[in-house]
N, C-alpha and C. Protein backbone atom coordinates (compact mmCIF):
# COMPACT_ATOMS: atom_id res chain seq x y z
N MET A 1 0.90 -1.14 0.09
CA MET A 1 -0.09 0.01 -0.01
C MET A 1 0.81 1.29 -0.12
N SER A 2 0.44 2.20 -0.71
CA SER A 2 1.07 3.51 -0.89
C SER A 2 0.93 4.38 0.48
N LEU A 3 1.78 5.22 0.70
CA LEU A 3 1.72 6.01 1.88
C LEU A 3 0.58 6.98 1.77
N GLU A 4 0.41 7.43 0.66
CA GLU A 4 -0.94 8.31 0.26
C GLU A 4 -2.23 7.64 0.72
N PHE A 5 -2.25 6.31 0.39
CA PHE A 5 -3.58 5.49 0.69
C PHE A 5 -3.67 5.41 2.27
N ILE A 6 -2.50 5.17 2.98
CA ILE A 6 -2.59 5.02 4.40
C ILE A 6 -3.01 6.32 4.85
N TYR A 7 -2.60 7.42 4.41
CA TYR A 7 -2.93 8.67 5.09
C TYR A 7 -4.57 8.91 4.66
N THR A 8 -4.89 8.47 3.65
CA THR A 8 -6.44 8.53 3.21
C THR A 8 -7.24 7.84 4.27
N VAL A 9 -6.86 6.52 4.33
CA VAL A 9 -7.57 5.66 5.49
C VAL A 9 -7.45 6.23 6.73
N GLY A 10 -6.39 6.69 7.08
CA GLY A 10 -6.16 7.32 8.57
C GLY A 10 -7.02 8.56 8.79
N GLY A 11 -7.08 9.27 7.70
CA GLY A 11 -8.08 10.47 7.67
C GLY A 11 -9.52 9.96 8.07
N PHE A 12 -9.95 9.09 7.32
CA PHE A 12 -11.34 8.55 7.63
C PHE A 12 -11.42 7.86 9.05
N ALA A 13 -10.36 7.26 9.36
CA ALA A 13 -10.40 6.59 10.66
C ALA A 13 -10.60 7.70 11.81
N THR A 14 -9.84 8.72 11.68
CA THR A 14 -9.89 9.88 12.69
C THR A 14 -11.08 10.41 12.67
N PHE A 15 -11.66 10.69 11.49
CA PHE A 15 -13.04 11.27 11.46
C PHE A 15 -14.07 10.49 12.06
N PHE A 16 -14.10 9.17 11.79
CA PHE A 16 -15.01 8.28 12.41
C PHE A 16 -14.86 8.13 13.94
N MET A 17 -13.67 8.41 14.49
CA MET A 17 -13.14 8.32 15.88
C MET A 17 -13.94 9.51 16.57
N TRP A 18 -13.74 10.71 15.80
CA TRP A 18 -14.58 11.82 16.31
C TRP A 18 -16.01 11.68 16.27
N ILE A 19 -16.65 10.94 15.33
CA ILE A 19 -17.97 10.82 15.36
C ILE A 19 -18.53 9.94 16.48
N LYS A 20 -17.62 8.95 16.85
CA LYS A 20 -17.93 8.20 17.98
C LYS A 20 -18.26 8.90 19.35
N VAL A 21 -17.42 9.96 19.25
CA VAL A 21 -17.45 10.82 20.63
C VAL A 21 -18.98 11.23 20.73
N PHE A 22 -19.86 11.37 19.54
CA PHE A 22 -21.27 11.74 19.80
C PHE A 22 -21.95 10.66 20.49
N TYR A 23 -21.52 9.48 20.21
CA TYR A 23 -22.24 8.29 21.01
C TYR A 23 -21.92 8.36 22.45
N TRP A 24 -20.72 8.78 22.77
CA TRP A 24 -20.36 8.80 24.21
C TRP A 24 -21.08 9.98 25.00
N MET A 25 -21.40 11.00 24.15
CA MET A 25 -22.07 12.10 24.78
C MET A 25 -23.36 11.74 25.41
N ARG A 26 -23.94 10.55 24.97
CA ARG A 26 -25.20 10.14 25.51
C ARG A 26 -25.01 9.92 27.08
N LEU A 27 -23.94 9.68 27.56
CA LEU A 27 -23.83 9.33 28.84
C LEU A 27 -24.11 10.53 29.76
N PHE A 28 -23.98 11.72 29.22
CA PHE A 28 -24.05 12.91 30.07
C PHE A 28 -25.64 13.39 29.86
N SER A 29 -26.31 13.66 30.75
CA SER A 29 -27.83 13.87 30.56
C SER A 29 -27.97 15.32 29.92
N ALA A 30 -27.02 16.28 30.00
CA ALA A 30 -27.06 17.71 29.41
C ALA A 30 -26.88 17.61 27.90
N LEU A 31 -26.14 16.59 27.52
CA LEU A 31 -25.89 16.35 26.13
C LEU A 31 -26.70 15.29 25.35
N ALA A 32 -27.30 14.41 26.12
CA ALA A 32 -28.14 13.41 25.59
C ALA A 32 -29.25 14.00 24.68
N TYR A 33 -29.84 14.91 25.22
CA TYR A 33 -30.76 15.59 24.43
C TYR A 33 -30.41 15.98 22.87
N TYR A 34 -29.22 16.63 22.70
CA TYR A 34 -28.76 16.95 21.52
C TYR A 34 -28.33 15.58 20.59
N VAL A 35 -27.79 14.67 21.29
CA VAL A 35 -27.72 13.45 20.52
C VAL A 35 -28.97 12.76 19.99
N LYS A 36 -29.90 12.85 20.88
CA LYS A 36 -31.22 12.47 20.43
C LYS A 36 -31.77 13.35 19.31
N LEU A 37 -31.64 14.67 19.38
CA LEU A 37 -32.05 15.51 18.37
C LEU A 37 -31.34 15.39 17.10
N ILE A 38 -30.02 14.89 16.99
CA ILE A 38 -29.36 14.65 15.82
C ILE A 38 -29.82 13.45 15.15
N GLN A 39 -30.06 12.40 15.92
CA GLN A 39 -30.41 11.11 15.51
C GLN A 39 -31.79 11.11 14.79
N GLN A 40 -32.64 11.82 15.58
CA GLN A 40 -34.08 11.95 15.11
C GLN A 40 -34.15 12.78 13.85
N THR A 41 -33.17 13.87 13.79
CA THR A 41 -33.21 14.55 12.53
C THR A 41 -32.77 13.66 11.39
N PHE A 42 -31.90 13.10 11.51
CA PHE A 42 -31.38 11.94 10.28
C PHE A 42 -32.59 11.05 9.95
N ALA A 43 -33.13 10.55 11.01
CA ALA A 43 -34.27 9.58 10.85
C ALA A 43 -35.42 10.31 10.11
N ASP A 44 -35.88 11.41 10.64
CA ASP A 44 -36.87 12.12 9.97
C ASP A 44 -36.68 12.58 8.52
N SER A 45 -35.50 13.03 8.21
CA SER A 45 -35.22 13.58 7.00
C SER A 45 -34.71 12.54 5.90
N PHE A 46 -34.68 11.28 6.31
CA PHE A 46 -34.30 10.26 5.26
C PHE A 46 -35.12 10.30 3.86
N ASN A 47 -36.38 10.21 4.05
CA ASN A 47 -37.25 10.20 3.04
C ASN A 47 -37.22 11.40 2.20
N PHE A 48 -37.00 12.67 2.77
CA PHE A 48 -36.93 13.97 2.23
C PHE A 48 -35.75 13.85 1.34
N MET A 49 -34.60 13.45 1.87
CA MET A 49 -33.44 13.46 1.17
C MET A 49 -33.35 12.53 -0.06
N LEU A 50 -34.08 11.57 -0.02
CA LEU A 50 -34.45 10.74 -1.14
C LEU A 50 -35.08 11.54 -2.19
N MET A 51 -36.15 12.42 -1.80
CA MET A 51 -36.73 13.28 -2.77
C MET A 51 -35.78 14.37 -3.17
N VAL A 52 -34.81 14.99 -2.43
CA VAL A 52 -34.00 15.79 -2.87
C VAL A 52 -32.92 15.21 -3.92
N PHE A 53 -32.51 13.98 -3.66
CA PHE A 53 -31.74 13.36 -4.70
C PHE A 53 -32.37 13.18 -5.96
N ILE A 54 -33.57 12.77 -6.00
CA ILE A 54 -34.35 12.59 -7.23
C ILE A 54 -34.46 13.92 -7.89
N ILE A 55 -34.82 15.10 -7.17
CA ILE A 55 -34.95 16.33 -8.08
C ILE A 55 -33.62 16.85 -8.46
N ILE A 56 -32.55 16.62 -7.84
CA ILE A 56 -31.19 17.01 -8.29
C ILE A 56 -30.82 16.13 -9.42
N ASN A 57 -31.02 14.86 -9.45
CA ASN A 57 -30.93 13.87 -10.54
C ASN A 57 -31.63 14.45 -11.74
N ALA A 58 -32.95 14.94 -11.65
CA ALA A 58 -33.81 15.31 -12.78
C ALA A 58 -33.18 16.56 -13.37
N PHE A 59 -32.78 17.50 -12.64
CA PHE A 59 -31.99 18.70 -13.28
C PHE A 59 -30.76 18.32 -13.74
N ALA A 60 -30.08 17.55 -13.17
CA ALA A 60 -28.56 17.14 -13.73
C ALA A 60 -28.93 16.33 -15.11
N ASN A 61 -29.90 15.35 -15.07
CA ASN A 61 -30.13 14.79 -16.39
C ASN A 61 -30.63 15.62 -17.58
N TYR A 62 -31.32 16.69 -17.22
CA TYR A 62 -31.60 17.53 -18.21
C TYR A 62 -30.29 18.28 -18.74
N TYR A 63 -29.60 18.79 -17.94
CA TYR A 63 -28.21 19.63 -18.17
C TYR A 63 -27.33 18.66 -19.03
N TYR A 64 -27.22 17.30 -18.44
CA TYR A 64 -26.40 16.54 -19.33
C TYR A 64 -26.79 16.27 -20.62
N VAL A 65 -28.06 16.11 -20.95
CA VAL A 65 -28.57 15.78 -22.19
C VAL A 65 -28.43 17.02 -23.04
N ILE A 66 -28.79 18.16 -22.65
CA ILE A 66 -28.71 19.33 -23.62
C ILE A 66 -27.29 19.83 -23.75
N SER A 67 -26.40 19.30 -22.88
CA SER A 67 -24.92 19.73 -23.12
C SER A 67 -24.33 18.78 -24.27
N LYS A 68 -25.10 17.95 -24.64
CA LYS A 68 -24.60 17.17 -25.97
C LYS A 68 -24.77 18.25 -27.16
N ASN A 69 -25.68 19.09 -27.18
CA ASN A 69 -25.81 20.08 -28.24
C ASN A 69 -24.48 20.93 -28.16
N GLN A 70 -24.15 21.28 -26.98
CA GLN A 70 -22.88 22.19 -26.80
C GLN A 70 -21.57 21.51 -27.39
N GLU A 71 -21.48 20.24 -27.05
CA GLU A 71 -20.43 19.35 -27.43
C GLU A 71 -20.48 19.28 -29.02
N LEU A 72 -21.57 19.12 -29.66
CA LEU A 72 -21.54 19.13 -31.11
C LEU A 72 -21.10 20.48 -31.78
N GLN A 73 -21.41 21.58 -31.05
CA GLN A 73 -20.85 22.84 -31.47
C GLN A 73 -19.59 23.20 -30.96
N ASN A 74 -18.81 22.27 -30.27
CA ASN A 74 -17.66 22.63 -29.62
C ASN A 74 -17.77 23.72 -28.67
N GLY A 75 -18.83 23.97 -28.00
CA GLY A 75 -18.97 25.04 -27.17
C GLY A 75 -18.96 24.53 -25.65
N PRO A 76 -19.09 25.36 -24.65
CA PRO A 76 -18.90 25.03 -23.25
C PRO A 76 -20.16 24.27 -22.87
N VAL A 77 -20.02 23.20 -21.99
CA VAL A 77 -21.18 22.51 -21.48
C VAL A 77 -21.77 23.25 -20.43
N TYR A 78 -23.02 22.87 -19.95
CA TYR A 78 -23.82 23.48 -18.99
C TYR A 78 -23.38 22.98 -17.48
N TYR A 79 -22.28 22.60 -17.36
CA TYR A 79 -21.83 22.18 -15.86
C TYR A 79 -20.44 22.26 -15.83
N ASP A 80 -19.85 22.50 -14.58
CA ASP A 80 -18.45 22.64 -14.14
C ASP A 80 -17.65 21.23 -14.24
N SER A 81 -16.46 21.21 -14.40
CA SER A 81 -15.62 19.99 -14.21
C SER A 81 -15.19 19.84 -12.77
N TYR A 82 -15.49 18.76 -12.21
CA TYR A 82 -14.88 18.48 -10.90
C TYR A 82 -14.16 17.19 -10.79
N THR A 83 -14.53 16.29 -11.54
CA THR A 83 -14.12 14.98 -11.55
C THR A 83 -13.57 14.42 -12.79
N ASN A 84 -13.95 15.14 -13.94
CA ASN A 84 -13.65 14.91 -15.30
C ASN A 84 -14.56 13.57 -15.60
N ILE A 85 -15.45 13.25 -15.01
CA ILE A 85 -16.52 12.21 -15.15
C ILE A 85 -17.68 13.03 -15.46
N PRO A 86 -18.24 13.25 -16.74
CA PRO A 86 -19.35 14.09 -16.91
C PRO A 86 -20.57 13.77 -16.11
N LYS A 87 -21.05 12.65 -16.00
CA LYS A 87 -22.22 12.31 -15.23
C LYS A 87 -22.25 12.62 -13.82
N LEU A 88 -21.01 12.43 -13.24
CA LEU A 88 -20.81 12.84 -11.84
C LEU A 88 -20.65 14.48 -11.80
N ASP A 89 -19.95 15.06 -12.61
CA ASP A 89 -19.69 16.41 -12.55
C ASP A 89 -21.12 17.28 -12.74
N VAL A 90 -21.99 16.78 -13.63
CA VAL A 90 -23.21 17.45 -13.57
C VAL A 90 -23.93 17.33 -12.40
N LEU A 91 -24.09 16.05 -11.75
CA LEU A 91 -24.67 15.94 -10.49
C LEU A 91 -24.16 16.93 -9.41
N ILE A 92 -22.71 17.04 -9.36
CA ILE A 92 -22.11 17.98 -8.31
C ILE A 92 -22.51 19.39 -8.77
N SER A 93 -22.58 19.78 -9.94
CA SER A 93 -22.99 21.11 -10.41
C SER A 93 -24.24 21.45 -10.02
N VAL A 94 -25.05 20.63 -10.30
CA VAL A 94 -26.60 20.96 -9.78
C VAL A 94 -26.68 20.99 -8.45
N TYR A 95 -25.90 20.16 -7.56
CA TYR A 95 -26.02 20.25 -6.03
C TYR A 95 -25.45 21.48 -5.75
N MET A 96 -24.17 21.90 -6.30
CA MET A 96 -23.77 23.20 -5.97
C MET A 96 -24.90 24.38 -6.21
N LEU A 97 -25.34 24.24 -7.41
CA LEU A 97 -26.28 25.33 -7.89
C LEU A 97 -27.39 25.40 -6.79
N GLY A 98 -28.13 24.21 -6.43
CA GLY A 98 -29.49 24.28 -5.72
C GLY A 98 -29.33 24.45 -4.32
N ALA A 99 -28.39 23.55 -3.83
CA ALA A 99 -28.30 23.37 -2.32
C ALA A 99 -27.28 24.41 -1.72
N LEU A 100 -26.22 24.76 -2.50
CA LEU A 100 -25.27 25.65 -1.82
C LEU A 100 -25.29 27.06 -2.49
N GLY A 101 -25.92 27.17 -3.70
CA GLY A 101 -25.94 28.55 -4.25
C GLY A 101 -24.68 28.84 -4.96
N ASP A 102 -23.66 27.94 -5.23
CA ASP A 102 -22.41 28.18 -5.79
C ASP A 102 -22.60 27.93 -7.25
N PHE A 103 -22.67 28.99 -8.22
CA PHE A 103 -22.85 28.78 -9.71
C PHE A 103 -22.44 29.83 -10.41
N ASP A 104 -22.13 29.67 -11.72
CA ASP A 104 -21.88 30.72 -12.60
C ASP A 104 -22.86 30.84 -13.58
N SER A 105 -23.82 31.85 -13.50
CA SER A 105 -25.04 31.91 -14.30
C SER A 105 -24.71 32.14 -15.77
N THR A 106 -23.58 32.62 -16.12
CA THR A 106 -23.27 32.95 -17.54
C THR A 106 -23.12 31.63 -18.23
N ILE A 107 -22.79 30.50 -17.68
CA ILE A 107 -22.71 29.33 -18.62
C ILE A 107 -24.27 28.88 -19.13
N TYR A 108 -25.29 29.46 -18.43
CA TYR A 108 -26.51 28.93 -18.94
C TYR A 108 -27.01 29.86 -20.11
N ARG A 109 -26.24 30.98 -20.33
CA ARG A 109 -26.69 31.99 -21.41
C ARG A 109 -25.98 31.92 -22.65
N ALA A 110 -25.56 30.73 -23.03
CA ALA A 110 -24.67 30.41 -24.30
C ALA A 110 -25.27 29.15 -24.99
N GLY A 111 -24.99 29.21 -26.14
CA GLY A 111 -25.26 28.04 -27.09
C GLY A 111 -26.73 27.95 -27.69
N TYR A 112 -26.94 26.77 -28.22
CA TYR A 112 -28.28 26.52 -28.84
C TYR A 112 -29.39 26.56 -27.83
N ASP A 113 -29.25 25.95 -26.75
CA ASP A 113 -30.32 25.94 -25.60
C ASP A 113 -30.41 26.94 -24.61
N LYS A 114 -29.81 28.22 -24.93
CA LYS A 114 -29.48 29.19 -23.88
C LYS A 114 -30.79 29.70 -23.27
N TYR A 115 -31.93 29.69 -23.96
CA TYR A 115 -33.16 30.26 -23.35
C TYR A 115 -33.67 28.92 -22.50
N ALA A 116 -33.76 27.84 -22.93
CA ALA A 116 -34.22 26.73 -22.22
C ALA A 116 -33.31 26.41 -21.04
N SER A 117 -32.03 26.47 -21.16
CA SER A 117 -31.29 26.17 -19.86
C SER A 117 -31.26 27.35 -18.96
N SER A 118 -31.43 28.60 -19.30
CA SER A 118 -31.68 29.67 -18.41
C SER A 118 -32.96 29.48 -17.67
N PHE A 119 -34.05 29.02 -18.30
CA PHE A 119 -35.21 28.84 -17.62
C PHE A 119 -35.16 27.70 -16.56
N MET A 120 -34.55 26.63 -16.95
CA MET A 120 -34.25 25.58 -15.97
C MET A 120 -33.32 25.90 -14.94
N PHE A 121 -32.43 26.80 -15.27
CA PHE A 121 -31.66 27.30 -13.99
C PHE A 121 -32.39 28.16 -13.19
N TYR A 122 -33.30 28.96 -13.44
CA TYR A 122 -34.17 29.62 -12.53
C TYR A 122 -35.20 28.68 -11.93
N LEU A 123 -35.63 27.81 -12.69
CA LEU A 123 -36.48 26.69 -11.97
C LEU A 123 -35.74 25.89 -10.93
N ALA A 124 -34.60 25.53 -11.26
CA ALA A 124 -33.84 24.69 -10.26
C ALA A 124 -33.44 25.46 -9.07
N THR A 125 -32.99 26.79 -9.17
CA THR A 125 -32.70 27.57 -8.06
C THR A 125 -33.94 27.72 -7.21
N PHE A 126 -35.17 27.90 -7.73
CA PHE A 126 -36.40 28.09 -7.05
C PHE A 126 -36.86 26.66 -6.38
N VAL A 127 -36.82 25.76 -7.10
CA VAL A 127 -37.39 24.44 -6.59
C VAL A 127 -36.44 23.93 -5.53
N ILE A 128 -35.13 23.78 -5.81
CA ILE A 128 -34.14 23.27 -4.95
C ILE A 128 -33.90 24.19 -3.77
N ALA A 129 -33.46 25.38 -3.94
CA ALA A 129 -33.13 26.31 -2.97
C ALA A 129 -34.25 26.87 -2.08
N VAL A 130 -35.30 27.21 -2.67
CA VAL A 130 -36.45 27.79 -1.92
C VAL A 130 -37.39 26.69 -1.43
N VAL A 131 -37.93 25.91 -2.33
CA VAL A 131 -39.02 24.96 -1.92
C VAL A 131 -38.41 23.82 -0.96
N PHE A 132 -37.49 22.99 -1.57
CA PHE A 132 -37.00 21.90 -0.87
C PHE A 132 -36.20 22.30 0.44
N MET A 133 -35.43 23.53 0.40
CA MET A 133 -34.76 23.71 1.67
C MET A 133 -35.59 24.26 2.75
N ASN A 134 -36.79 24.98 2.39
CA ASN A 134 -37.89 25.48 3.33
C ASN A 134 -38.52 24.18 3.87
N MET A 135 -38.72 23.18 3.04
CA MET A 135 -39.42 21.80 3.50
C MET A 135 -38.47 21.31 4.59
N LEU A 136 -37.04 21.31 4.27
CA LEU A 136 -36.06 20.80 5.24
C LEU A 136 -36.25 21.53 6.63
N ILE A 137 -36.34 22.69 6.63
CA ILE A 137 -36.41 23.51 7.82
C ILE A 137 -37.73 23.29 8.59
N ALA A 138 -38.75 22.92 7.77
CA ALA A 138 -40.12 22.64 8.47
C ALA A 138 -39.87 21.22 9.04
N ILE A 139 -39.34 20.35 8.43
CA ILE A 139 -39.01 18.98 9.00
C ILE A 139 -38.18 19.04 10.20
N MET A 140 -37.10 19.89 10.13
CA MET A 140 -36.25 20.01 11.28
C MET A 140 -37.10 20.69 12.54
N GLY A 141 -37.98 21.67 12.27
CA GLY A 141 -38.89 22.23 13.31
C GLY A 141 -39.52 21.29 13.97
N GLU A 142 -40.29 20.37 13.05
CA GLU A 142 -41.02 19.40 13.66
C GLU A 142 -40.43 18.40 14.52
N THR A 143 -39.30 18.03 13.91
CA THR A 143 -38.40 17.13 14.86
C THR A 143 -37.94 17.69 16.10
N PHE A 144 -37.50 18.96 16.11
CA PHE A 144 -37.30 19.67 17.36
C PHE A 144 -38.42 19.68 18.27
N GLY A 145 -39.60 19.88 17.87
CA GLY A 145 -40.69 19.90 18.63
C GLY A 145 -41.15 18.46 19.15
N SER A 146 -40.95 17.61 18.48
CA SER A 146 -41.13 16.15 18.98
C SER A 146 -40.14 15.66 19.99
N VAL A 147 -38.88 16.01 19.82
CA VAL A 147 -37.82 15.69 20.61
C VAL A 147 -37.87 16.36 22.03
N THR A 148 -38.44 17.64 21.92
CA THR A 148 -38.51 18.46 23.02
C THR A 148 -39.65 17.95 24.10
N GLU A 149 -40.67 17.34 23.33
CA GLU A 149 -41.93 16.86 24.24
C GLU A 149 -41.38 15.55 24.94
């Protein structure tokens, strides 16, 4: 094994060691509430996260398909390059666009599909960032209420 691989495994091992500290926090009554809140938040938001993955995949699939027109014209595609694996890059780009708000809107205003891609850009930012993230806040508020009871 290479030294780089050992460091990578070591990084994950130390990360999971610190995550294990959350389990030990249940021993203290003052911290047990927060551990329960974190566990319940993950449990309550699992189905929601499945829906988020589906909507991100839907927009990513759209941009992946229409980027084929850009490739035919030797133009820039409608997603950024992160891994040089186009299908993964477009998923990451849509996640960055919708969930984190990190995007370059000028890439959607070029090429054959510039009007359609701009419309889908605005739709994606509204649906993912506004609708879905507000639903997540509502789910977390409900979870907080139920754990507090």
